[in-house]
mmCIF file of all heavy atoms, coordinates in Angstrom:
data_MODEL
# 
_entry.id   MODEL 
# 
loop_
_atom_site.group_PDB 
_atom_site.id 
_atom_site.type_symbol 
_atom_site.label_atom_id 
_atom_site.label_alt_id 
_atom_site.label_comp_id 
_atom_site.label_asym_id 
_atom_site.label_entity_id 
_atom_site.label_seq_id 
_atom_site.pdbx_PDB_ins_code 
_atom_site.Cartn_x 
_atom_site.Cartn_y 
_atom_site.Cartn_z 
_atom_site.occupancy 
_atom_site.B_iso_or_equiv 
_atom_site.pdbx_formal_charge 
_atom_site.auth_seq_id 
_atom_site.auth_comp_id 
_atom_site.auth_asym_id 
_atom_site.auth_atom_id 
_atom_site.pdbx_PDB_model_num 
ATOM 1   N N   . ILE A 1 1  ? 134.184 241.547 354.464 1.00 0.00 ? 1  ILE A N   1 
ATOM 2   C CA  . ILE A 1 1  ? 135.227 242.128 353.560 1.00 0.00 ? 1  ILE A CA  1 
ATOM 3   C C   . ILE A 1 1  ? 134.612 242.056 352.135 1.00 0.00 ? 1  ILE A C   1 
ATOM 4   O O   . ILE A 1 1  ? 134.556 241.074 351.528 1.00 0.00 ? 1  ILE A O   1 
ATOM 5   C CB  . ILE A 1 1  ? 136.487 241.381 353.670 1.00 0.00 ? 1  ILE A CB  1 
ATOM 6   C CG1 . ILE A 1 1  ? 137.038 241.369 355.089 1.00 0.00 ? 1  ILE A CG1 1 
ATOM 7   C CG2 . ILE A 1 1  ? 137.544 241.962 352.688 1.00 0.00 ? 1  ILE A CG2 1 
ATOM 8   C CD1 . ILE A 1 1  ? 138.206 240.512 355.330 1.00 0.00 ? 1  ILE A CD1 1 
ATOM 9   N N   . GLY A 1 2  ? 134.136 243.279 351.672 1.00 0.00 ? 2  GLY A N   1 
ATOM 10  C CA  . GLY A 1 2  ? 133.470 243.353 350.414 1.00 0.00 ? 2  GLY A CA  1 
ATOM 11  C C   . GLY A 1 2  ? 132.637 244.632 350.384 1.00 0.00 ? 2  GLY A C   1 
ATOM 12  O O   . GLY A 1 2  ? 132.522 245.313 351.462 1.00 0.00 ? 2  GLY A O   1 
ATOM 13  N N   . PHE A 1 3  ? 132.147 245.092 349.281 1.00 0.00 ? 3  PHE A N   1 
ATOM 14  C CA  . PHE A 1 3  ? 132.353 244.417 348.069 1.00 0.00 ? 3  PHE A CA  1 
ATOM 15  C C   . PHE A 1 3  ? 133.489 245.099 347.243 1.00 0.00 ? 3  PHE A C   1 
ATOM 16  O O   . PHE A 1 3  ? 134.286 245.782 347.851 1.00 0.00 ? 3  PHE A O   1 
ATOM 17  C CB  . PHE A 1 3  ? 131.014 244.455 347.182 1.00 0.00 ? 3  PHE A CB  1 
ATOM 18  C CG  . PHE A 1 3  ? 129.931 243.711 347.982 1.00 0.00 ? 3  PHE A CG  1 
ATOM 19  C CD1 . PHE A 1 3  ? 128.821 244.358 348.411 1.00 0.00 ? 3  PHE A CD1 1 
ATOM 20  C CD2 . PHE A 1 3  ? 130.045 242.383 348.226 1.00 0.00 ? 3  PHE A CD2 1 
ATOM 21  C CE1 . PHE A 1 3  ? 127.798 243.665 349.078 1.00 0.00 ? 3  PHE A CE1 1 
ATOM 22  C CE2 . PHE A 1 3  ? 129.039 241.649 348.890 1.00 0.00 ? 3  PHE A CE2 1 
ATOM 23  C CZ  . PHE A 1 3  ? 127.897 242.352 349.360 1.00 0.00 ? 3  PHE A CZ  1 
ATOM 24  N N   . MET A 1 4  ? 133.636 244.959 345.959 1.00 0.00 ? 4  MET A N   1 
ATOM 25  C CA  . MET A 1 4  ? 134.752 245.483 345.196 1.00 0.00 ? 4  MET A CA  1 
ATOM 26  C C   . MET A 1 4  ? 134.675 246.954 344.910 1.00 0.00 ? 4  MET A C   1 
ATOM 27  O O   . MET A 1 4  ? 133.772 247.459 344.374 1.00 0.00 ? 4  MET A O   1 
ATOM 28  C CB  . MET A 1 4  ? 134.823 244.670 343.815 1.00 0.00 ? 4  MET A CB  1 
ATOM 29  C CG  . MET A 1 4  ? 136.199 244.767 343.180 1.00 0.00 ? 4  MET A CG  1 
ATOM 30  S SD  . MET A 1 4  ? 137.575 244.163 344.170 1.00 0.00 ? 4  MET A SD  1 
ATOM 31  C CE  . MET A 1 4  ? 137.062 242.487 344.453 1.00 0.00 ? 4  MET A CE  1 
ATOM 32  N N   . PRO A 1 5  ? 135.745 247.648 345.342 1.00 0.00 ? 5  PRO A N   1 
ATOM 33  C CA  . PRO A 1 5  ? 135.844 249.110 344.999 1.00 0.00 ? 5  PRO A CA  1 
ATOM 34  C C   . PRO A 1 5  ? 135.808 249.240 343.559 1.00 0.00 ? 5  PRO A C   1 
ATOM 35  O O   . PRO A 1 5  ? 136.356 248.450 342.762 1.00 0.00 ? 5  PRO A O   1 
ATOM 36  C CB  . PRO A 1 5  ? 137.221 249.488 345.676 1.00 0.00 ? 5  PRO A CB  1 
ATOM 37  C CG  . PRO A 1 5  ? 137.451 248.459 346.763 1.00 0.00 ? 5  PRO A CG  1 
ATOM 38  C CD  . PRO A 1 5  ? 136.876 247.185 346.172 1.00 0.00 ? 5  PRO A CD  1 
ATOM 39  N N   . GLU A 1 6  ? 135.341 250.439 343.064 1.00 0.00 ? 6  GLU A N   1 
ATOM 40  C CA  . GLU A 1 6  ? 135.197 250.600 341.632 1.00 0.00 ? 6  GLU A CA  1 
ATOM 41  C C   . GLU A 1 6  ? 136.538 250.678 340.990 1.00 0.00 ? 6  GLU A C   1 
ATOM 42  O O   . GLU A 1 6  ? 136.703 250.139 339.844 1.00 0.00 ? 6  GLU A O   1 
ATOM 43  C CB  . GLU A 1 6  ? 134.487 252.035 341.463 1.00 0.00 ? 6  GLU A CB  1 
ATOM 44  C CG  . GLU A 1 6  ? 134.166 252.334 339.983 1.00 0.00 ? 6  GLU A CG  1 
ATOM 45  C CD  . GLU A 1 6  ? 133.297 253.583 339.830 1.00 0.00 ? 6  GLU A CD  1 
ATOM 46  O OE1 . GLU A 1 6  ? 133.174 254.310 340.837 1.00 0.00 ? 6  GLU A OE1 1 
ATOM 47  O OE2 . GLU A 1 6  ? 132.786 253.753 338.724 1.00 0.00 ? 6  GLU A OE2 1 
ATOM 48  N N   . ALA A 1 7  ? 137.587 251.153 341.597 1.00 0.00 ? 7  ALA A N   1 
ATOM 49  C CA  . ALA A 1 7  ? 138.918 251.285 340.957 1.00 0.00 ? 7  ALA A CA  1 
ATOM 50  C C   . ALA A 1 7  ? 139.539 249.895 340.870 1.00 0.00 ? 7  ALA A C   1 
ATOM 51  O O   . ALA A 1 7  ? 140.482 249.792 340.109 1.00 0.00 ? 7  ALA A O   1 
ATOM 52  C CB  . ALA A 1 7  ? 139.818 252.229 341.772 1.00 0.00 ? 7  ALA A CB  1 
ATOM 53  N N   . LEU A 1 8  ? 139.109 248.919 341.643 1.00 0.00 ? 8  LEU A N   1 
ATOM 54  C CA  . LEU A 1 8  ? 139.733 247.627 341.521 1.00 0.00 ? 8  LEU A CA  1 
ATOM 55  C C   . LEU A 1 8  ? 138.828 246.590 340.712 1.00 0.00 ? 8  LEU A C   1 
ATOM 56  O O   . LEU A 1 8  ? 139.302 245.488 340.373 1.00 0.00 ? 8  LEU A O   1 
ATOM 57  C CB  . LEU A 1 8  ? 139.889 247.006 342.946 1.00 0.00 ? 8  LEU A CB  1 
ATOM 58  C CG  . LEU A 1 8  ? 141.021 247.494 343.795 1.00 0.00 ? 8  LEU A CG  1 
ATOM 59  C CD1 . LEU A 1 8  ? 141.070 246.902 345.150 1.00 0.00 ? 8  LEU A CD1 1 
ATOM 60  C CD2 . LEU A 1 8  ? 142.287 247.285 342.999 1.00 0.00 ? 8  LEU A CD2 1 
ATOM 61  N N   . SER A 1 9  ? 137.605 246.949 340.407 1.00 0.00 ? 9  SER A N   1 
ATOM 62  C CA  . SER A 1 9  ? 136.687 246.035 339.713 1.00 0.00 ? 9  SER A CA  1 
ATOM 63  C C   . SER A 1 9  ? 137.133 245.763 338.311 1.00 0.00 ? 9  SER A C   1 
ATOM 64  O O   . SER A 1 9  ? 137.603 246.615 337.574 1.00 0.00 ? 9  SER A O   1 
ATOM 65  C CB  . SER A 1 9  ? 135.293 246.628 339.680 1.00 0.00 ? 9  SER A CB  1 
ATOM 66  O OG  . SER A 1 9  ? 134.409 245.759 338.982 1.00 0.00 ? 9  SER A OG  1 
ATOM 67  N N   . SER A 1 10 ? 137.041 244.473 337.955 1.00 0.00 ? 10 SER A N   1 
ATOM 68  C CA  . SER A 1 10 ? 137.379 243.992 336.580 1.00 0.00 ? 10 SER A CA  1 
ATOM 69  C C   . SER A 1 10 ? 136.368 244.419 335.584 1.00 0.00 ? 10 SER A C   1 
ATOM 70  O O   . SER A 1 10 ? 136.583 244.358 334.384 1.00 0.00 ? 10 SER A O   1 
ATOM 71  C CB  . SER A 1 10 ? 137.642 242.548 336.525 1.00 0.00 ? 10 SER A CB  1 
ATOM 72  O OG  . SER A 1 10 ? 136.595 241.788 337.021 1.00 0.00 ? 10 SER A OG  1 
ATOM 73  N N   . LYS A 1 11 ? 135.179 244.831 336.081 1.00 0.00 ? 11 LYS A N   1 
ATOM 74  C CA  . LYS A 1 11 ? 134.103 245.356 335.182 1.00 0.00 ? 11 LYS A CA  1 
ATOM 75  C C   . LYS A 1 11 ? 133.316 246.416 335.953 1.00 0.00 ? 11 LYS A C   1 
ATOM 76  O O   . LYS A 1 11 ? 132.280 246.154 336.406 1.00 0.00 ? 11 LYS A O   1 
ATOM 77  C CB  . LYS A 1 11 ? 133.208 244.234 334.721 1.00 0.00 ? 11 LYS A CB  1 
ATOM 78  C CG  . LYS A 1 11 ? 132.188 244.693 333.627 1.00 0.00 ? 11 LYS A CG  1 
ATOM 79  C CD  . LYS A 1 11 ? 131.281 243.495 333.213 1.00 0.00 ? 11 LYS A CD  1 
ATOM 80  C CE  . LYS A 1 11 ? 130.285 244.010 332.138 1.00 0.00 ? 11 LYS A CE  1 
ATOM 81  N NZ  . LYS A 1 11 ? 129.379 242.894 331.707 1.00 0.00 ? 11 LYS A NZ  1 
ATOM 82  N N   . PRO A 1 12 ? 133.917 247.621 336.060 1.00 0.00 ? 12 PRO A N   1 
ATOM 83  C CA  . PRO A 1 12 ? 133.392 248.594 336.979 1.00 0.00 ? 12 PRO A CA  1 
ATOM 84  C C   . PRO A 1 12 ? 132.098 249.300 336.578 1.00 0.00 ? 12 PRO A C   1 
ATOM 85  O O   . PRO A 1 12 ? 131.361 249.867 337.343 1.00 0.00 ? 12 PRO A O   1 
ATOM 86  C CB  . PRO A 1 12 ? 134.495 249.659 337.037 1.00 0.00 ? 12 PRO A CB  1 
ATOM 87  C CG  . PRO A 1 12 ? 135.261 249.555 335.815 1.00 0.00 ? 12 PRO A CG  1 
ATOM 88  C CD  . PRO A 1 12 ? 135.190 248.007 335.478 1.00 0.00 ? 12 PRO A CD  1 
ATOM 89  N N   . LYS A 1 13 ? 131.731 249.259 335.311 1.00 0.00 ? 13 LYS A N   1 
ATOM 90  C CA  . LYS A 1 13 ? 130.575 250.053 334.793 1.00 0.00 ? 13 LYS A CA  1 
ATOM 91  C C   . LYS A 1 13 ? 129.490 249.058 334.425 1.00 0.00 ? 13 LYS A C   1 
ATOM 92  O O   . LYS A 1 13 ? 129.736 248.103 333.711 1.00 0.00 ? 13 LYS A O   1 
ATOM 93  C CB  . LYS A 1 13 ? 130.973 250.923 333.690 1.00 0.00 ? 13 LYS A CB  1 
ATOM 94  C CG  . LYS A 1 13 ? 132.032 251.978 333.980 1.00 0.00 ? 13 LYS A CG  1 
ATOM 95  C CD  . LYS A 1 13 ? 131.617 252.948 335.021 1.00 0.00 ? 13 LYS A CD  1 
ATOM 96  C CE  . LYS A 1 13 ? 132.691 254.041 335.303 1.00 0.00 ? 13 LYS A CE  1 
ATOM 97  N NZ  . LYS A 1 13 ? 132.310 254.959 336.381 1.00 0.00 ? 13 LYS A NZ  1 
ATOM 98  N N   . PRO A 1 14 ? 128.195 249.365 334.777 1.00 0.00 ? 14 PRO A N   1 
ATOM 99  C CA  . PRO A 1 14 ? 127.778 250.402 335.641 1.00 0.00 ? 14 PRO A CA  1 
ATOM 100 C C   . PRO A 1 14 ? 128.059 250.002 337.124 1.00 0.00 ? 14 PRO A C   1 
ATOM 101 O O   . PRO A 1 14 ? 128.255 248.812 337.419 1.00 0.00 ? 14 PRO A O   1 
ATOM 102 C CB  . PRO A 1 14 ? 126.243 250.486 335.506 1.00 0.00 ? 14 PRO A CB  1 
ATOM 103 C CG  . PRO A 1 14 ? 125.895 249.073 335.078 1.00 0.00 ? 14 PRO A CG  1 
ATOM 104 C CD  . PRO A 1 14 ? 127.071 248.604 334.225 1.00 0.00 ? 14 PRO A CD  1 
ATOM 105 N N   . TYR A 1 15 ? 128.161 250.994 337.993 1.00 0.00 ? 15 TYR A N   1 
ATOM 106 C CA  . TYR A 1 15 ? 128.591 250.655 339.394 1.00 0.00 ? 15 TYR A CA  1 
ATOM 107 C C   . TYR A 1 15 ? 127.518 250.925 340.391 1.00 0.00 ? 15 TYR A C   1 
ATOM 108 O O   . TYR A 1 15 ? 126.972 250.061 341.076 1.00 0.00 ? 15 TYR A O   1 
ATOM 109 C CB  . TYR A 1 15 ? 129.839 251.474 339.706 1.00 0.00 ? 15 TYR A CB  1 
ATOM 110 C CG  . TYR A 1 15 ? 130.487 250.984 341.024 1.00 0.00 ? 15 TYR A CG  1 
ATOM 111 C CD1 . TYR A 1 15 ? 131.330 249.862 341.019 1.00 0.00 ? 15 TYR A CD1 1 
ATOM 112 C CD2 . TYR A 1 15 ? 130.300 251.671 342.238 1.00 0.00 ? 15 TYR A CD2 1 
ATOM 113 C CE1 . TYR A 1 15 ? 131.971 249.425 342.178 1.00 0.00 ? 15 TYR A CE1 1 
ATOM 114 C CE2 . TYR A 1 15 ? 130.899 251.231 343.371 1.00 0.00 ? 15 TYR A CE2 1 
ATOM 115 C CZ  . TYR A 1 15 ? 131.724 250.115 343.419 1.00 0.00 ? 15 TYR A CZ  1 
ATOM 116 O OH  . TYR A 1 15 ? 132.334 249.654 344.536 1.00 0.00 ? 15 TYR A OH  1 
ATOM 117 N N   . ARG A 1 16 ? 127.058 252.186 340.499 1.00 0.00 ? 16 ARG A N   1 
ATOM 118 C CA  . ARG A 1 16 ? 125.935 252.496 341.428 1.00 0.00 ? 16 ARG A CA  1 
ATOM 119 C C   . ARG A 1 16 ? 124.604 252.057 340.848 1.00 0.00 ? 16 ARG A C   1 
ATOM 120 O O   . ARG A 1 16 ? 124.270 252.241 339.710 1.00 0.00 ? 16 ARG A O   1 
ATOM 121 C CB  . ARG A 1 16 ? 125.875 254.063 341.575 1.00 0.00 ? 16 ARG A CB  1 
ATOM 122 C CG  . ARG A 1 16 ? 124.759 254.599 342.418 1.00 0.00 ? 16 ARG A CG  1 
ATOM 123 C CD  . ARG A 1 16 ? 124.820 254.345 343.896 1.00 0.00 ? 16 ARG A CD  1 
ATOM 124 N NE  . ARG A 1 16 ? 124.027 255.242 344.697 1.00 0.00 ? 16 ARG A NE  1 
ATOM 125 C CZ  . ARG A 1 16 ? 122.770 255.014 345.097 1.00 0.00 ? 16 ARG A CZ  1 
ATOM 126 N NH1 . ARG A 1 16 ? 122.174 253.887 344.743 1.00 0.00 ? 16 ARG A NH1 1 
ATOM 127 N NH2 . ARG A 1 16 ? 122.139 255.935 345.767 1.00 0.00 ? 16 ARG A NH2 1 
ATOM 128 N N   . HIS A 1 17 ? 123.830 251.321 341.719 1.00 0.00 ? 17 HIS A N   1 
ATOM 129 C CA  . HIS A 1 17 ? 122.480 251.004 341.350 1.00 0.00 ? 17 HIS A CA  1 
ATOM 130 C C   . HIS A 1 17 ? 121.513 251.801 342.053 1.00 0.00 ? 17 HIS A C   1 
ATOM 131 O O   . HIS A 1 17 ? 121.747 252.413 343.098 1.00 0.00 ? 17 HIS A O   1 
ATOM 132 C CB  . HIS A 1 17 ? 122.230 249.468 341.554 1.00 0.00 ? 17 HIS A CB  1 
ATOM 133 C CG  . HIS A 1 17 ? 122.011 249.016 342.967 1.00 0.00 ? 17 HIS A CG  1 
ATOM 134 N ND1 . HIS A 1 17 ? 120.944 249.335 343.677 1.00 0.00 ? 17 HIS A ND1 1 
ATOM 135 C CD2 . HIS A 1 17 ? 122.879 248.380 343.789 1.00 0.00 ? 17 HIS A CD2 1 
ATOM 136 C CE1 . HIS A 1 17 ? 121.058 248.817 344.902 1.00 0.00 ? 17 HIS A CE1 1 
ATOM 137 N NE2 . HIS A 1 17 ? 122.236 248.229 345.024 1.00 0.00 ? 17 HIS A NE2 1 
ATOM 138 N N   . TYR A 1 18 ? 120.184 251.806 341.558 1.00 0.00 ? 18 TYR A N   1 
ATOM 139 C CA  . TYR A 1 18 ? 119.131 252.610 342.148 1.00 0.00 ? 18 TYR A CA  1 
ATOM 140 C C   . TYR A 1 18 ? 117.876 251.719 342.235 1.00 0.00 ? 18 TYR A C   1 
ATOM 141 O O   . TYR A 1 18 ? 116.735 252.111 341.944 1.00 0.00 ? 18 TYR A O   1 
ATOM 142 C CB  . TYR A 1 18 ? 118.866 253.829 341.265 1.00 0.00 ? 18 TYR A CB  1 
ATOM 143 C CG  . TYR A 1 18 ? 119.991 254.751 341.257 1.00 0.00 ? 18 TYR A CG  1 
ATOM 144 C CD1 . TYR A 1 18 ? 120.963 254.661 340.285 1.00 0.00 ? 18 TYR A CD1 1 
ATOM 145 C CD2 . TYR A 1 18 ? 120.144 255.773 342.226 1.00 0.00 ? 18 TYR A CD2 1 
ATOM 146 C CE1 . TYR A 1 18 ? 122.055 255.546 340.233 1.00 0.00 ? 18 TYR A CE1 1 
ATOM 147 C CE2 . TYR A 1 18 ? 121.210 256.579 342.176 1.00 0.00 ? 18 TYR A CE2 1 
ATOM 148 C CZ  . TYR A 1 18 ? 122.137 256.503 341.197 1.00 0.00 ? 18 TYR A CZ  1 
ATOM 149 O OH  . TYR A 1 18 ? 123.297 257.382 341.203 1.00 0.00 ? 18 TYR A OH  1 
ATOM 150 N N   . TRP A 1 19 ? 118.050 250.542 342.800 1.00 0.00 ? 19 TRP A N   1 
ATOM 151 C CA  . TRP A 1 19 ? 117.021 249.498 342.978 1.00 0.00 ? 19 TRP A CA  1 
ATOM 152 C C   . TRP A 1 19 ? 115.877 250.068 343.887 1.00 0.00 ? 19 TRP A C   1 
ATOM 153 O O   . TRP A 1 19 ? 116.200 250.789 344.898 1.00 0.00 ? 19 TRP A O   1 
ATOM 154 C CB  . TRP A 1 19 ? 117.504 248.209 343.542 1.00 0.00 ? 19 TRP A CB  1 
ATOM 155 C CG  . TRP A 1 19 ? 116.547 247.171 343.724 1.00 0.00 ? 19 TRP A CG  1 
ATOM 156 C CD1 . TRP A 1 19 ? 116.147 246.246 342.800 1.00 0.00 ? 19 TRP A CD1 1 
ATOM 157 C CD2 . TRP A 1 19 ? 115.757 246.896 344.880 1.00 0.00 ? 19 TRP A CD2 1 
ATOM 158 N NE1 . TRP A 1 19 ? 115.196 245.404 343.365 1.00 0.00 ? 19 TRP A NE1 1 
ATOM 159 C CE2 . TRP A 1 19 ? 114.996 245.751 344.637 1.00 0.00 ? 19 TRP A CE2 1 
ATOM 160 C CE3 . TRP A 1 19 ? 115.719 247.500 346.186 1.00 0.00 ? 19 TRP A CE3 1 
ATOM 161 C CZ2 . TRP A 1 19 ? 114.080 245.241 345.578 1.00 0.00 ? 19 TRP A CZ2 1 
ATOM 162 C CZ3 . TRP A 1 19 ? 114.883 246.925 347.080 1.00 0.00 ? 19 TRP A CZ3 1 
ATOM 163 C CH2 . TRP A 1 19 ? 114.096 245.737 346.799 1.00 0.00 ? 19 TRP A CH2 1 
ATOM 164 N N   . LYS A 1 20 ? 114.697 249.758 343.566 1.00 0.00 ? 20 LYS A N   1 
ATOM 165 C CA  . LYS A 1 20 ? 113.499 250.031 344.413 1.00 0.00 ? 20 LYS A CA  1 
ATOM 166 C C   . LYS A 1 20 ? 112.660 248.767 344.466 1.00 0.00 ? 20 LYS A C   1 
ATOM 167 O O   . LYS A 1 20 ? 112.652 247.888 343.581 1.00 0.00 ? 20 LYS A O   1 
ATOM 168 C CB  . LYS A 1 20 ? 112.612 251.134 343.758 1.00 0.00 ? 20 LYS A CB  1 
ATOM 169 C CG  . LYS A 1 20 ? 113.318 252.488 343.684 1.00 0.00 ? 20 LYS A CG  1 
ATOM 170 C CD  . LYS A 1 20 ? 113.596 253.056 344.994 1.00 0.00 ? 20 LYS A CD  1 
ATOM 171 C CE  . LYS A 1 20 ? 114.183 254.512 344.812 1.00 0.00 ? 20 LYS A CE  1 
ATOM 172 N NZ  . LYS A 1 20 ? 114.557 255.099 346.186 1.00 0.00 ? 20 LYS A NZ  1 
ATOM 173 N N   . PRO A 1 21 ? 111.883 248.560 345.594 1.00 0.00 ? 21 PRO A N   1 
ATOM 174 C CA  . PRO A 1 21 ? 110.997 247.477 345.713 1.00 0.00 ? 21 PRO A CA  1 
ATOM 175 C C   . PRO A 1 21 ? 110.106 247.336 344.467 1.00 0.00 ? 21 PRO A C   1 
ATOM 176 O O   . PRO A 1 21 ? 109.611 248.374 344.019 1.00 0.00 ? 21 PRO A O   1 
ATOM 177 C CB  . PRO A 1 21 ? 110.254 247.740 347.015 1.00 0.00 ? 21 PRO A CB  1 
ATOM 178 C CG  . PRO A 1 21 ? 111.061 248.615 347.759 1.00 0.00 ? 21 PRO A CG  1 
ATOM 179 C CD  . PRO A 1 21 ? 111.899 249.393 346.810 1.00 0.00 ? 21 PRO A CD  1 
ATOM 180 N N   . GLY A 1 22 ? 109.946 246.180 344.008 1.00 0.00 ? 22 GLY A N   1 
ATOM 181 C CA  . GLY A 1 22 ? 109.164 245.892 342.756 1.00 0.00 ? 22 GLY A CA  1 
ATOM 182 C C   . GLY A 1 22 ? 110.047 245.787 341.572 1.00 0.00 ? 22 GLY A C   1 
ATOM 183 O O   . GLY A 1 22 ? 109.562 245.186 340.513 1.00 0.00 ? 22 GLY A O   1 
ATOM 184 N N   . ALA A 1 23 ? 111.267 246.353 341.552 1.00 0.00 ? 23 ALA A N   1 
ATOM 185 C CA  . ALA A 1 23 ? 112.154 246.207 340.398 1.00 0.00 ? 23 ALA A CA  1 
ATOM 186 C C   . ALA A 1 23 ? 112.804 244.799 340.397 1.00 0.00 ? 23 ALA A C   1 
ATOM 187 O O   . ALA A 1 23 ? 112.708 244.087 341.421 1.00 0.00 ? 23 ALA A O   1 
ATOM 188 C CB  . ALA A 1 23 ? 113.160 247.255 340.440 1.00 0.00 ? 23 ALA A CB  1 
ATOM 189 N N   . LYS A 1 24 ? 113.397 244.433 339.301 1.00 0.00 ? 24 LYS A N   1 
ATOM 190 C CA  . LYS A 1 24 ? 114.103 243.115 339.210 1.00 0.00 ? 24 LYS A CA  1 
ATOM 191 C C   . LYS A 1 24 ? 115.231 243.170 340.197 1.00 0.00 ? 24 LYS A C   1 
ATOM 192 O O   . LYS A 1 24 ? 116.075 244.015 340.262 1.00 0.00 ? 24 LYS A O   1 
ATOM 193 C CB  . LYS A 1 24 ? 114.571 242.858 337.811 1.00 0.00 ? 24 LYS A CB  1 
ATOM 194 C CG  . LYS A 1 24 ? 113.443 242.668 336.793 1.00 0.00 ? 24 LYS A CG  1 
ATOM 195 C CD  . LYS A 1 24 ? 114.015 242.340 335.415 1.00 0.00 ? 24 LYS A CD  1 
ATOM 196 C CE  . LYS A 1 24 ? 112.879 242.093 334.463 1.00 0.00 ? 24 LYS A CE  1 
ATOM 197 N NZ  . LYS A 1 24 ? 113.422 241.861 333.121 1.00 0.00 ? 24 LYS A NZ  1 
ATOM 198 N N   . TYR A 1 25 ? 115.312 242.054 340.975 1.00 0.00 ? 25 TYR A N   1 
ATOM 199 C CA  . TYR A 1 25 ? 116.383 241.957 341.992 1.00 0.00 ? 25 TYR A CA  1 
ATOM 200 C C   . TYR A 1 25 ? 117.730 242.039 341.350 1.00 0.00 ? 25 TYR A C   1 
ATOM 201 O O   . TYR A 1 25 ? 118.719 242.507 341.937 1.00 0.00 ? 25 TYR A O   1 
ATOM 202 C CB  . TYR A 1 25 ? 116.164 240.724 342.791 1.00 0.00 ? 25 TYR A CB  1 
ATOM 203 C CG  . TYR A 1 25 ? 116.996 240.653 344.148 1.00 0.00 ? 25 TYR A CG  1 
ATOM 204 C CD1 . TYR A 1 25 ? 116.490 241.260 345.284 1.00 0.00 ? 25 TYR A CD1 1 
ATOM 205 C CD2 . TYR A 1 25 ? 118.223 239.984 344.139 1.00 0.00 ? 25 TYR A CD2 1 
ATOM 206 C CE1 . TYR A 1 25 ? 117.220 241.207 346.475 1.00 0.00 ? 25 TYR A CE1 1 
ATOM 207 C CE2 . TYR A 1 25 ? 118.942 239.977 345.340 1.00 0.00 ? 25 TYR A CE2 1 
ATOM 208 C CZ  . TYR A 1 25 ? 118.438 240.572 346.474 1.00 0.00 ? 25 TYR A CZ  1 
ATOM 209 O OH  . TYR A 1 25 ? 119.090 240.581 347.686 1.00 0.00 ? 25 TYR A OH  1 
ATOM 210 N N   . GLU A 1 26 ? 117.920 241.502 340.187 1.00 0.00 ? 26 GLU A N   1 
ATOM 211 C CA  . GLU A 1 26 ? 119.212 241.429 339.473 1.00 0.00 ? 26 GLU A CA  1 
ATOM 212 C C   . GLU A 1 26 ? 119.670 242.739 339.259 1.00 0.00 ? 26 GLU A C   1 
ATOM 213 O O   . GLU A 1 26 ? 121.003 242.863 338.929 1.00 0.00 ? 26 GLU A O   1 
ATOM 214 C CB  . GLU A 1 26 ? 119.065 240.591 338.177 1.00 0.00 ? 26 GLU A CB  1 
ATOM 215 C CG  . GLU A 1 26 ? 118.755 239.127 338.365 1.00 0.00 ? 26 GLU A CG  1 
ATOM 216 C CD  . GLU A 1 26 ? 117.291 238.831 338.742 1.00 0.00 ? 26 GLU A CD  1 
ATOM 217 O OE1 . GLU A 1 26 ? 116.480 239.774 338.631 1.00 0.00 ? 26 GLU A OE1 1 
ATOM 218 O OE2 . GLU A 1 26 ? 117.024 237.717 339.230 1.00 0.00 ? 26 GLU A OE2 1 
# 
């Protein structure tokens, strides 16, 4: 059960990430 839908998030922005291998995991 997760994760938080954008409309319910207490801090929605930024929402979509575009991580690639080699980038910072955070």
